[in-house]
N, C-alpha and C. Protein backbone atom coordinates (compact mmCIF):
# COMPACT_ATOMS: atom_id res chain seq x y z
N UNK A 1 6.88 -29.99 27.71
CA UNK A 1 8.12 -29.07 27.08
C UNK A 1 8.88 -27.95 27.53
N UNK A 2 7.97 -26.75 28.25
CA UNK A 2 8.55 -25.83 28.42
C UNK A 2 9.47 -26.27 29.68
N UNK A 3 9.79 -27.49 30.15
CA UNK A 3 10.49 -27.63 31.49
C UNK A 3 12.10 -27.78 30.75
N UNK A 4 12.40 -28.13 29.50
CA UNK A 4 13.15 -29.03 28.20
C UNK A 4 13.51 -27.54 28.21
N UNK A 5 13.07 -26.60 27.77
CA UNK A 5 13.37 -25.62 27.05
C UNK A 5 14.09 -24.67 27.65
N UNK A 6 13.75 -23.95 29.27
CA UNK A 6 13.74 -23.59 29.91
C UNK A 6 15.64 -24.46 30.49
N UNK A 7 15.30 -25.89 30.30
CA UNK A 7 16.66 -26.26 31.27
C UNK A 7 17.55 -25.43 30.09
N UNK A 8 17.50 -26.33 28.61
CA UNK A 8 18.28 -25.52 27.27
C UNK A 8 18.66 -24.66 27.37
N UNK A 9 17.70 -23.16 28.16
CA UNK A 9 18.17 -22.26 27.53
C UNK A 9 19.08 -21.87 28.80
N UNK A 10 19.68 -22.27 29.83
CA UNK A 10 20.01 -22.47 30.98
C UNK A 10 21.88 -23.02 30.27
N UNK A 11 21.63 -24.29 29.82
CA UNK A 11 22.72 -24.84 29.13
C UNK A 11 23.50 -24.56 27.91
N UNK A 12 22.74 -23.67 26.96
CA UNK A 12 22.89 -23.87 25.74
C UNK A 12 23.93 -23.36 25.31
N UNK A 13 24.91 -23.54 23.94
CA UNK A 13 25.94 -23.24 23.76
C UNK A 13 26.46 -24.94 23.35
N UNK A 14 27.92 -24.71 23.09
CA UNK A 14 28.84 -24.70 23.57
C UNK A 14 29.85 -25.57 24.10
N UNK A 15 29.54 -24.52 25.10
CA UNK A 15 30.45 -24.43 26.47
C UNK A 15 30.04 -24.98 27.37
N UNK A 16 29.16 -24.90 27.86
CA UNK A 16 28.50 -24.98 29.24
C UNK A 16 28.75 -26.34 30.27
N UNK A 17 28.43 -27.34 28.96
CA UNK A 17 28.36 -28.86 29.61
C UNK A 17 29.74 -28.93 29.34
N UNK A 18 30.65 -28.68 28.64
CA UNK A 18 31.78 -29.09 29.33
C UNK A 18 32.22 -28.70 30.55
N UNK A 19 32.24 -27.40 30.39
CA UNK A 19 32.98 -26.51 31.60
C UNK A 19 31.82 -27.34 32.98
N UNK A 20 30.54 -27.40 32.89
CA UNK A 20 30.05 -28.56 33.90
C UNK A 20 31.09 -29.48 34.29
N UNK A 21 31.30 -30.72 32.79
CA UNK A 21 31.56 -31.60 33.18
C UNK A 21 32.84 -31.46 33.57
N UNK A 22 33.69 -30.62 33.07
CA UNK A 22 35.50 -30.27 34.34
C UNK A 22 34.85 -30.84 35.92
N UNK A 23 33.44 -30.01 36.41
CA UNK A 23 33.91 -29.49 37.64
C UNK A 23 32.85 -30.99 38.16
N UNK A 24 32.08 -31.53 37.20
CA UNK A 24 32.24 -33.49 37.77
C UNK A 24 32.97 -33.67 38.15
N UNK A 25 34.22 -33.82 37.38
CA UNK A 25 34.93 -34.95 37.07
C UNK A 25 36.48 -35.08 38.29
N UNK A 26 36.56 -32.99 38.33
CA UNK A 26 37.83 -32.71 39.09
C UNK A 26 36.98 -31.82 40.18
N UNK A 27 35.63 -31.46 40.86
CA UNK A 27 35.05 -30.94 41.73
C UNK A 27 36.21 -29.55 41.73
N UNK A 28 37.60 -28.98 42.35
CA UNK A 28 36.88 -27.81 42.59
C UNK A 28 38.27 -27.37 41.26
N UNK A 29 38.25 -26.70 40.52
CA UNK A 29 38.97 -26.08 39.57
C UNK A 29 39.39 -24.86 39.75
N UNK A 30 40.71 -24.76 38.76
CA UNK A 30 40.80 -23.39 38.54
C UNK A 30 41.02 -22.76 37.45
N UNK A 31 40.47 -21.16 37.14
CA UNK A 31 40.33 -21.11 35.79
C UNK A 31 41.57 -22.05 34.52
N UNK A 32 42.61 -21.65 35.05
CA UNK A 32 43.65 -22.31 33.92
C UNK A 32 43.37 -24.32 33.68
N UNK A 33 42.84 -24.54 35.08
CA UNK A 33 42.32 -26.32 34.68
C UNK A 33 41.54 -26.71 33.72
N UNK A 34 40.37 -25.30 34.11
CA UNK A 34 39.02 -25.53 32.97
C UNK A 34 39.41 -25.13 31.74
N UNK A 35 40.17 -24.08 31.09
CA UNK A 35 40.66 -23.84 30.03
C UNK A 35 41.65 -25.29 29.29
N UNK A 36 42.12 -25.49 30.62
CA UNK A 36 42.74 -27.28 29.84
C UNK A 36 42.23 -28.32 29.31
N UNK A 37 41.33 -27.85 30.32
CA UNK A 37 40.04 -29.39 30.22
C UNK A 37 39.19 -29.55 28.95
N UNK A 38 39.13 -27.96 28.28
CA UNK A 38 37.69 -27.62 27.88
C UNK A 38 38.84 -27.42 26.00
N UNK A 39 38.92 -28.00 25.73
CA UNK A 39 39.90 -28.31 24.23
C UNK A 39 38.61 -26.90 23.83
N UNK A 40 39.83 -25.81 22.76
CA UNK A 40 39.06 -25.06 21.96
C UNK A 40 38.56 -23.60 22.27
N UNK A 41 38.37 -23.66 23.81
CA UNK A 41 38.07 -22.55 24.65
C UNK A 41 38.74 -21.46 24.76
N UNK A 42 38.48 -20.36 24.39
CA UNK A 42 39.17 -18.84 24.56
C UNK A 42 39.61 -18.68 26.17
N UNK A 43 40.05 -17.97 26.40
CA UNK A 43 39.69 -17.00 27.73
C UNK A 43 38.65 -17.00 28.28
N UNK A 44 38.51 -15.48 27.16
CA UNK A 44 37.44 -14.58 27.35
C UNK A 44 35.99 -15.40 27.47
N UNK A 45 35.62 -16.46 25.98
CA UNK A 45 34.43 -17.26 26.31
C UNK A 45 34.22 -18.25 27.87
N UNK A 46 35.95 -18.42 27.92
CA UNK A 46 35.62 -19.46 29.20
C UNK A 46 34.92 -18.30 30.80
N UNK A 47 35.71 -17.21 30.76
CA UNK A 47 35.15 -15.94 31.44
C UNK A 47 33.28 -15.66 31.43
N UNK A 48 32.96 -15.31 30.43
CA UNK A 48 31.74 -14.93 30.14
C UNK A 48 30.99 -16.23 30.54
N UNK A 49 30.82 -17.34 30.15
CA UNK A 49 30.26 -18.94 30.58
C UNK A 49 29.99 -19.00 32.19
N UNK A 50 31.68 -18.86 32.57
CA UNK A 50 31.85 -19.50 34.19
C UNK A 50 31.04 -18.03 34.75
N UNK A 51 30.98 -17.16 34.45
CA UNK A 51 29.66 -15.63 34.61
C UNK A 51 28.20 -16.18 34.63
N UNK A 52 27.86 -16.82 34.04
CA UNK A 52 26.43 -16.78 33.69
C UNK A 52 26.28 -18.55 34.13
N UNK A 53 26.96 -19.08 34.70
CA UNK A 53 26.49 -20.30 35.44
C UNK A 53 26.20 -19.74 36.46
N UNK A 54 27.82 -18.82 36.89
CA UNK A 54 27.30 -18.29 38.40
C UNK A 54 26.33 -17.14 38.24
N UNK A 55 25.89 -16.92 37.48
CA UNK A 55 24.62 -16.44 37.59
C UNK A 55 23.03 -17.22 38.06
N UNK A 56 23.01 -18.47 37.31
CA UNK A 56 22.63 -19.39 37.03
C UNK A 56 22.43 -20.33 38.51
N UNK A 57 23.57 -20.22 39.53
CA UNK A 57 24.01 -20.61 40.72
C UNK A 57 24.19 -22.25 40.45
N UNK A 58 24.71 -22.22 39.26
CA UNK A 58 25.70 -23.40 39.01
C UNK A 58 26.50 -23.95 39.41
N UNK A 59 27.31 -22.85 39.40
CA UNK A 59 28.84 -22.57 39.89
C UNK A 59 29.40 -21.61 41.33
N UNK A 60 30.55 -22.20 41.87
CA UNK A 60 30.47 -20.71 42.81
C UNK A 60 32.28 -20.03 42.70
N UNK A 61 32.37 -19.36 42.82
CA UNK A 61 33.79 -18.72 42.61
C UNK A 61 34.55 -18.30 43.51
N UNK A 62 35.03 -19.06 44.47
CA UNK A 62 36.11 -18.55 45.32
C UNK A 62 37.67 -17.59 44.66
N UNK A 63 37.36 -16.96 45.83
CA UNK A 63 38.90 -16.26 45.35
C UNK A 63 39.87 -16.22 46.70
N UNK A 64 40.64 -16.94 46.29
CA UNK A 64 41.66 -17.55 47.35
C UNK A 64 42.73 -16.95 48.11
N UNK A 65 43.19 -16.29 48.82
CA UNK A 65 44.04 -15.05 49.37
C UNK A 65 45.62 -15.58 49.10
N UNK A 66 46.05 -15.42 47.85
CA UNK A 66 47.59 -16.27 47.53
C UNK A 66 47.90 -15.03 46.91
N UNK A 67 49.26 -15.16 46.68
CA UNK A 67 49.93 -14.28 45.61
C UNK A 67 50.18 -15.08 45.06
N UNK A 68 49.82 -14.83 43.44
CA UNK A 68 49.54 -14.29 43.22
C UNK A 68 48.54 -14.67 43.43
N UNK A 69 46.68 -14.26 43.33
CA UNK A 69 45.39 -14.40 43.34
C UNK A 69 45.37 -15.45 42.93
N UNK A 70 44.19 -16.62 42.95
CA UNK A 70 44.14 -17.56 42.80
C UNK A 70 42.12 -17.60 42.71
N UNK A 71 41.44 -18.55 41.84
CA UNK A 71 40.30 -17.79 41.84
C UNK A 71 40.13 -19.33 41.16
N UNK A 72 39.46 -20.05 42.50
CA UNK A 72 38.79 -21.81 42.12
C UNK A 72 36.64 -21.76 41.91
N UNK A 73 37.20 -22.56 41.36
CA UNK A 73 35.77 -22.90 40.49
C UNK A 73 35.32 -24.04 41.07
N UNK A 74 33.91 -23.93 41.47
CA UNK A 74 33.23 -25.44 42.05
C UNK A 74 31.91 -25.75 41.66
N UNK A 75 31.12 -26.46 41.77
CA UNK A 75 29.29 -26.91 41.49
C UNK A 75 28.86 -26.56 42.66
N UNK A 76 27.85 -25.84 42.50
CA UNK A 76 26.84 -25.51 43.97
C UNK A 76 26.28 -26.68 44.26
N UNK A 77 25.50 -27.11 44.89
CA UNK A 77 24.03 -27.73 45.59
C UNK A 77 23.86 -28.04 44.35
N UNK A 78 23.24 -26.82 44.04
CA UNK A 78 22.47 -26.76 42.61
C UNK A 78 22.95 -27.07 41.62
N UNK A 79 24.34 -27.39 41.30
CA UNK A 79 25.03 -27.07 40.14
C UNK A 79 24.94 -28.83 40.37
N UNK A 80 25.28 -29.82 41.62
CA UNK A 80 25.50 -30.82 41.69
C UNK A 80 24.56 -31.94 41.38
N UNK A 81 23.31 -31.19 40.69
CA UNK A 81 22.06 -32.05 40.80
C UNK A 81 22.20 -32.35 38.85
N UNK A 82 23.41 -32.07 38.65
CA UNK A 82 22.99 -31.92 36.85
C UNK A 82 24.54 -33.68 36.95
N UNK A 83 25.07 -33.56 37.84
CA UNK A 83 26.00 -34.75 37.81
C UNK A 83 25.48 -35.76 37.14
N UNK A 84 24.17 -36.79 37.18
CA UNK A 84 23.66 -37.37 36.82
C UNK A 84 23.50 -37.62 35.45
N UNK A 85 23.03 -36.46 34.70
CA UNK A 85 22.90 -36.06 33.42
C UNK A 85 24.80 -36.02 32.51
N UNK A 86 25.14 -35.53 33.46
CA UNK A 86 26.70 -35.64 32.87
C UNK A 86 26.89 -36.90 32.54
N UNK A 87 27.26 -38.02 33.66
CA UNK A 87 27.49 -39.18 33.73
C UNK A 87 26.53 -39.96 33.07
N UNK A 88 25.20 -39.62 32.28
CA UNK A 88 24.20 -40.23 31.26
C UNK A 88 25.12 -39.99 30.31
N UNK A 89 25.10 -38.69 30.05
CA UNK A 89 25.69 -38.22 28.95
C UNK A 89 26.62 -39.07 28.30
N UNK A 90 27.64 -39.28 29.48
CA UNK A 90 29.09 -39.67 29.03
C UNK A 90 28.79 -41.70 28.73
N UNK A 91 28.19 -41.86 29.20
CA UNK A 91 27.70 -43.67 28.72
C UNK A 91 27.34 -43.65 27.82
N UNK A 92 25.83 -42.69 27.37
CA UNK A 92 25.89 -42.71 26.16
C UNK A 92 26.49 -42.31 25.13
N UNK A 93 27.69 -41.76 25.76
CA UNK A 93 28.58 -41.24 24.12
C UNK A 93 29.39 -42.15 23.75
N UNK A 94 29.94 -43.07 24.97
CA UNK A 94 30.77 -44.02 24.99
C UNK A 94 30.07 -44.82 24.17
N UNK A 95 28.58 -45.50 24.32
CA UNK A 95 28.24 -46.62 23.70
C UNK A 95 27.91 -46.06 22.60
N UNK A 96 27.85 -45.10 22.14
CA UNK A 96 27.03 -44.63 20.65
C UNK A 96 28.63 -44.26 19.28
N UNK A 97 29.53 -44.32 20.01
CA UNK A 97 30.70 -44.22 19.60
C UNK A 97 31.18 -45.38 19.77
N UNK A 98 30.64 -46.36 20.14
CA UNK A 98 30.94 -48.07 19.89
C UNK A 98 30.17 -48.50 19.20
N UNK A 99 29.05 -48.34 18.62
CA UNK A 99 27.86 -48.46 17.71
C UNK A 99 28.43 -48.53 16.73
N UNK A 100 28.35 -46.83 16.39
CA UNK A 100 28.74 -46.24 15.14
C UNK A 100 30.26 -46.72 14.78
N UNK A 101 31.44 -47.00 15.35
CA UNK A 101 33.04 -47.73 15.31
C UNK A 101 32.38 -49.10 15.08
N UNK A 102 31.79 -49.91 15.86
CA UNK A 102 31.84 -51.30 15.52
C UNK A 102 31.46 -51.82 13.90
N UNK A 103 30.80 -50.78 13.16
CA UNK A 103 29.88 -50.98 11.81
C UNK A 103 31.02 -51.00 10.88
């Protein structure tokens, strides 16, 4: 049970799974891309969540030498280990939706 709790502590909250999902499906994402992918999240909250994911070594932040500066985010090798979980959650969500609305 401790391992499940540790996992939930890192992935807790409303936004982390959707942010990780955005990067699972689209690989490299700019801040504005993730902001558009995750409906309802504010700039401030996205910035906070990305910093936490970066601290936990799930997300890599790259500053590109463009004008204006572009920041790109992608899953680290460790973060990519969550792809199976994200895909399984997606499949379960589709099946659950179909089951509930079939009635």
